[in-house]
Amino acid sequence: MRVLGIETSCDETGVALYDTERGLAADALHSQIAMHAEYGGVVPELASRDHTRRLLPLIQRVLDDAGMSRDELDAIAYTAGPGLVGALMVGASTAHGLARALDIPVLGVHHMEGHLLAPMLEDAPPDFPFAALLVSGGHTQLVEVAGLGRYRLLGESVDDAAGEAFDKAAKMLGLDYPGGPAVARLAEDGDPSRWRFPRPMTDRPGLDFSFSGLKTHTLTTIRRLEADGELDEAARADVARAFEEAVVDTLVIKCRRALDQTGLKRLVVAGGVSANARLRERLGQAAAKRGAEVFYPRGRFCTDNGAMIAYVGAQRLLAGERDELGQMQAVPRWPMETLREP
């Protein structure tokens, strides 16, 4: 089955073609980061309009790269949620329109299930079962994965997601959007011994996360430095380092607990924050001490992309799932634990 995948949940337009026999045939991505940077975050209306402008040319580019025509497609998968409703509607309407014109099946899939299974696109994918840390701008979750659609939520953020906390810390420090890479770059010059910021909710049992208190602590530190006239470039770097260390330590502590509680020896880490180099280093060390392995998607598949949607769509389409033509799905809030085994 040759499945076209369409991703338009937020600020990246992603398209890919996945062949269930040959693997990933082609993929393309357009990022809206430069457009939204002026506003310090994603502007939903601008995001939707840009998806509309970019999507059809990207589809044609992927087909050309794969050496295929539209008539050779067997099915289409698109992101049905969660995400920005206007952006989701662009992908959903395009997918359903193409599917109706080509008389092929179409299926809306869960965005976070795409991230969860993105490492399956690699040459050495993890076997089921595994624990997974989904960590991005909108989500921070720990999930036990027994198979496709067999998910048990172990813990999640009760307030800000880790990626959202990075964006807010970056804004406090006067850094550009998106915040994660900007904070990480500045943190490289920081002194890790100057401050130790709190590791939220690590002093109690459980696998839930909270980053709002860390955000407040960061803001208080910056304001105190400003009041004392000490917020120079070195101090900003030290704050960035303390913040990054706190987020990374918190994520690692919770992942260790998840492995210990489940007894699993495989950990998947996916989502935009999974690209953080310090997080990867610390998780590798923690997993090695437990005889466990850590699996990541390749760099360009850490953030939103069409390949993960095409892959998940293919697995569920093969199992017989599909939308009714004309019944588009656009679900801004969609808990992943409501997904079921096909």
Foldseek 3Di string as FASTA:
>chain_A
DWEWFFEQQFFKTKIWIADPVPGTQFIDMDGCQVVCQVVLDGDLVVSLVVNLVPHVVRHVVNCVSSVHDLLPHAEYEYAQDAHRLSRNVSRLVVRLVSCVVNVHFYAHDHQVLLQVCLLVRDPDRDDPFAWEFEAEQQWTWIWTRRDQLDIDTFETEPDGTPQVLQSLLCVLLVHTPPRLVRLLVLLVLADQPPDAQAQPPLVDDGQYHYCPVSSVVLNVVSVVCVVVVNPDSHVSNNSSNNSVVSSLVNSLSSVLVVCVVVVDQEYEYAADNVVRPVSVVSNCVSSVVVNHYYTYRPDVRRYGHRSSRRVSVVVVVVVPDGDDRPDTRHHNDDDSNVGHDD
